[in-house]
Amino acid sequence: MRYADFHSAAGQNLVLTLVPREAYFLRNEKEQVVLPVRVSRTADASQFRRRRLTLAARGGPARAFREDLFAVPFGAAWMDGYRASQSSLTASAEAPSLDPGWGVRETSATILFSGAGVAAVAAVLLALDADAIATEHRGAVGSRAEIESLRGRASDRATTANVLLGVAGALLGAGALTLAW
């Protein structure tokens, strides 16, 4: 699995935090270094022997990434140039006009209406589930405890559905009052 691609500027160290495993491979176009990294250890790639790369290139996309994506070394000099170019652009740019959009009232009402919708959908789904369990209870064959368990589950679901329907109504009313306020 490929973890990182980088091209650091000459004379700069690069520190990567990696998932602990037996070893990692650091590669360029011609050679590779095996980095034995264990839990809570660091490895300096310059301390390990470089070996000739024995893997074949994969083709077009791999070549494009290798030759183009990291062709520019991203070091301190590059960052300084990037920051300098950004500060001149942002200094001349005007701030866009802010559209006031919805006020607090409209946003609050929308949240309340959304909550009412969610509660109503949940109530309908629980009511349908309660009905299915009640139908199963009516035709159930088994021990008295199993049949009573079905009845209890149907009753609990129906009660919860009714409570959610009440919550949906309350949220709907609160949303309407918020808009009218």
Protein backbone atom coordinates (compact mmCIF):
# COMPACT_ATOMS: atom_id res chain seq x y z
CA MET A 1 0.00 0.00 0.00
CA ARG A 2 1.32 3.42 -0.91
CA TYR A 3 1.29 5.81 2.08
CA ALA A 4 2.94 9.03 0.89
CA ASP A 5 4.53 10.79 -2.08
CA PHE A 6 6.85 13.72 -1.48
CA HIS A 7 9.67 15.73 -2.99
CA SER A 8 11.36 17.77 -0.30
CA ALA A 9 13.85 20.52 -1.03
CA ALA A 10 17.54 19.74 -0.65
CA GLY A 11 18.85 20.11 2.89
CA GLN A 12 15.45 19.74 4.55
CA ASN A 13 14.39 16.86 6.74
CA LEU A 14 11.04 15.22 6.24
CA VAL A 15 9.25 13.62 9.19
CA LEU A 16 6.36 11.22 8.60
CA THR A 17 4.27 9.61 11.30
CA LEU A 18 3.39 6.09 10.20
CA VAL A 19 1.31 3.23 11.47
CA PRO A 20 3.56 0.78 13.35
CA ARG A 21 4.49 -2.20 11.22
CA GLU A 22 7.50 -4.37 10.49
CA ALA A 23 9.04 -2.25 7.71
CA TYR A 24 8.41 0.49 5.15
CA PHE A 25 10.02 1.00 1.75
CA LEU A 26 11.32 4.39 0.65
CA ARG A 27 11.67 4.48 -3.15
CA ASN A 28 12.72 6.75 -5.97
CA GLU A 29 13.03 5.96 -9.69
CA LYS A 30 16.15 3.80 -9.33
CA GLU A 31 16.57 2.58 -5.77
CA GLN A 32 14.84 1.77 -2.52
CA VAL A 33 15.64 1.74 1.19
CA VAL A 34 14.02 -0.69 3.60
CA LEU A 35 13.11 1.16 6.81
CA PRO A 36 12.59 -1.20 9.74
CA VAL A 37 10.13 0.77 11.88
CA ARG A 38 8.65 -0.63 15.07
CA VAL A 39 6.37 0.86 17.72
CA SER A 40 7.58 4.25 19.07
CA ARG A 41 10.77 4.30 16.97
CA THR A 42 12.15 6.66 14.43
CA ALA A 43 14.24 5.79 11.42
CA ASP A 44 16.67 7.94 9.44
CA ALA A 45 16.67 6.80 5.81
CA SER A 46 20.26 7.96 5.29
CA GLN A 47 21.45 5.33 7.80
CA PHE A 48 20.22 2.36 5.78
CA ARG A 49 21.68 0.71 2.70
CA ARG A 50 20.19 1.71 -0.64
CA ARG A 51 19.29 -1.13 -2.97
CA ARG A 52 18.55 -1.11 -6.64
CA LEU A 53 14.80 -1.00 -7.30
CA THR A 54 13.61 -4.40 -8.52
CA LEU A 55 9.97 -3.52 -9.27
CA ALA A 56 8.82 -2.69 -12.76
CA ALA A 57 7.07 0.61 -13.50
CA ARG A 58 3.30 0.36 -13.68
CA GLY A 59 2.65 2.51 -16.72
CA GLY A 60 1.05 5.83 -17.65
CA PRO A 61 -0.60 6.99 -14.42
CA ALA A 62 2.31 5.89 -12.22
CA ARG A 63 4.75 7.62 -14.53
CA ALA A 64 2.69 10.83 -14.59
CA PHE A 65 2.58 10.93 -10.80
CA ARG A 66 6.29 10.22 -10.51
CA GLU A 67 7.42 12.74 -13.13
CA ASP A 68 4.86 15.54 -12.87
CA LEU A 69 3.02 15.67 -9.56
CA PHE A 70 6.10 15.95 -7.38
CA ALA A 71 8.46 17.52 -9.92
CA VAL A 72 8.72 20.75 -7.90
CA PRO A 73 10.42 20.43 -4.49
CA PHE A 74 8.11 21.93 -1.89
CA GLY A 75 10.52 23.48 0.59
CA ALA A 76 10.77 26.71 2.56
CA ALA A 77 11.66 28.78 -0.53
CA TRP A 78 8.61 27.51 -2.40
CA MET A 79 6.35 28.28 0.59
CA ASP A 80 7.78 31.79 0.90
CA GLY A 81 7.05 32.42 -2.78
CA TYR A 82 3.56 31.00 -2.47
CA ARG A 83 2.75 33.17 0.57
CA ALA A 84 4.11 36.26 -1.18
CA SER A 85 1.94 35.61 -4.24
CA GLN A 86 -1.13 35.04 -2.06
CA SER A 87 -0.72 38.21 -0.01
CA SER A 88 -0.60 40.37 -3.15
CA LEU A 89 -3.75 38.69 -4.46
CA THR A 90 -5.73 38.98 -1.26
CA ALA A 91 -4.72 42.61 -0.69
CA SER A 92 -6.26 43.69 -3.99
CA ALA A 93 -9.39 41.57 -3.76
CA GLU A 94 -12.60 43.11 -2.48
CA ALA A 95 -14.70 41.33 0.09
CA PRO A 96 -17.90 39.99 -1.45
CA SER A 97 -21.13 41.57 -0.31
CA LEU A 98 -22.83 39.44 2.29
CA ASP A 99 -26.37 38.32 1.57
CA PRO A 100 -28.27 38.47 4.84
CA GLY A 101 -30.24 35.34 3.91
CA TRP A 102 -32.62 33.94 6.47
CA GLY A 103 -32.96 35.46 9.86
CA VAL A 104 -32.91 33.63 13.16
CA ARG A 105 -36.69 33.22 13.06
CA GLU A 106 -36.78 31.52 9.67
CA THR A 107 -33.82 29.30 10.51
CA SER A 108 -35.34 28.28 13.86
CA ALA A 109 -38.71 27.52 12.24
CA THR A 110 -37.03 25.40 9.56
CA ILE A 111 -35.18 23.41 12.21
CA LEU A 112 -38.41 22.89 14.16
CA PHE A 113 -40.30 21.82 11.02
CA SER A 114 -37.48 19.41 10.12
CA GLY A 115 -37.57 17.91 13.60
CA ALA A 116 -41.35 17.52 13.30
CA GLY A 117 -40.90 15.70 9.99
CA VAL A 118 -38.31 13.34 11.43
CA ALA A 119 -40.48 12.61 14.48
CA ALA A 120 -43.54 11.99 12.26
CA VAL A 121 -41.66 9.58 9.99
CA ALA A 122 -40.25 7.72 13.01
CA ALA A 123 -43.77 7.54 14.51
CA VAL A 124 -45.22 6.06 11.32
CA LEU A 125 -42.41 3.48 11.06
CA LEU A 126 -42.85 2.45 14.71
CA ALA A 127 -46.64 2.24 14.28
CA LEU A 128 -46.19 -0.04 11.27
CA ASP A 129 -43.75 -2.18 13.23
CA ALA A 130 -46.17 -2.33 16.18
CA ASP A 131 -48.95 -3.43 13.82
CA ALA A 132 -46.75 -6.17 12.34
CA ILE A 133 -45.86 -7.44 15.81
CA ALA A 134 -49.53 -7.32 16.88
CA THR A 135 -50.49 -9.35 13.80
CA GLU A 136 -47.78 -11.86 14.69
CA HIS A 137 -49.10 -11.93 18.28
CA ARG A 138 -52.65 -12.75 17.16
CA GLY A 139 -51.48 -15.82 15.25
CA ALA A 140 -48.64 -16.79 17.58
CA VAL A 141 -48.17 -20.32 18.78
CA GLY A 142 -45.77 -20.94 21.62
CA SER A 143 -45.34 -20.61 25.32
CA ARG A 144 -47.32 -18.05 27.27
CA ALA A 145 -44.10 -16.09 28.00
CA GLU A 146 -43.25 -15.83 24.28
CA ILE A 147 -46.76 -14.67 23.41
CA GLU A 148 -46.77 -12.11 26.24
CA SER A 149 -43.35 -10.90 25.06
CA LEU A 150 -44.79 -10.22 21.59
CA ARG A 151 -47.74 -8.38 23.12
CA GLY A 152 -45.41 -6.27 25.27
CA ARG A 153 -43.20 -5.38 22.30
CA ALA A 154 -46.22 -4.35 20.22
CA SER A 155 -47.53 -2.24 23.09
CA ASP A 156 -44.14 -0.57 23.67
CA ARG A 157 -43.75 0.28 19.97
CA ALA A 158 -47.28 1.67 19.78
CA THR A 159 -46.70 3.82 22.88
CA THR A 160 -43.43 5.14 21.49
CA ALA A 161 -45.10 5.88 18.14
CA ASN A 162 -47.83 7.87 19.92
CA VAL A 163 -45.28 9.85 21.93
CA LEU A 164 -43.31 10.64 18.77
CA LEU A 165 -46.49 11.74 17.03
CA GLY A 166 -47.14 14.11 19.94
CA VAL A 167 -43.57 15.42 19.71
CA ALA A 168 -44.03 15.96 15.95
CA GLY A 169 -47.21 17.95 16.61
CA ALA A 170 -45.51 20.04 19.29
CA LEU A 171 -42.56 20.80 17.02
CA LEU A 172 -44.89 21.69 14.16
CA GLY A 173 -46.82 24.07 16.43
CA ALA A 174 -43.60 25.60 17.77
CA GLY A 175 -42.36 26.16 14.22
CA ALA A 176 -45.61 27.85 13.22
CA LEU A 177 -45.50 30.06 16.34
CA THR A 178 -41.88 30.96 15.64
CA LEU A 179 -42.76 32.11 12.13
CA ALA A 180 -45.80 34.07 13.32
CA TRP A 181 -43.91 35.70 16.22
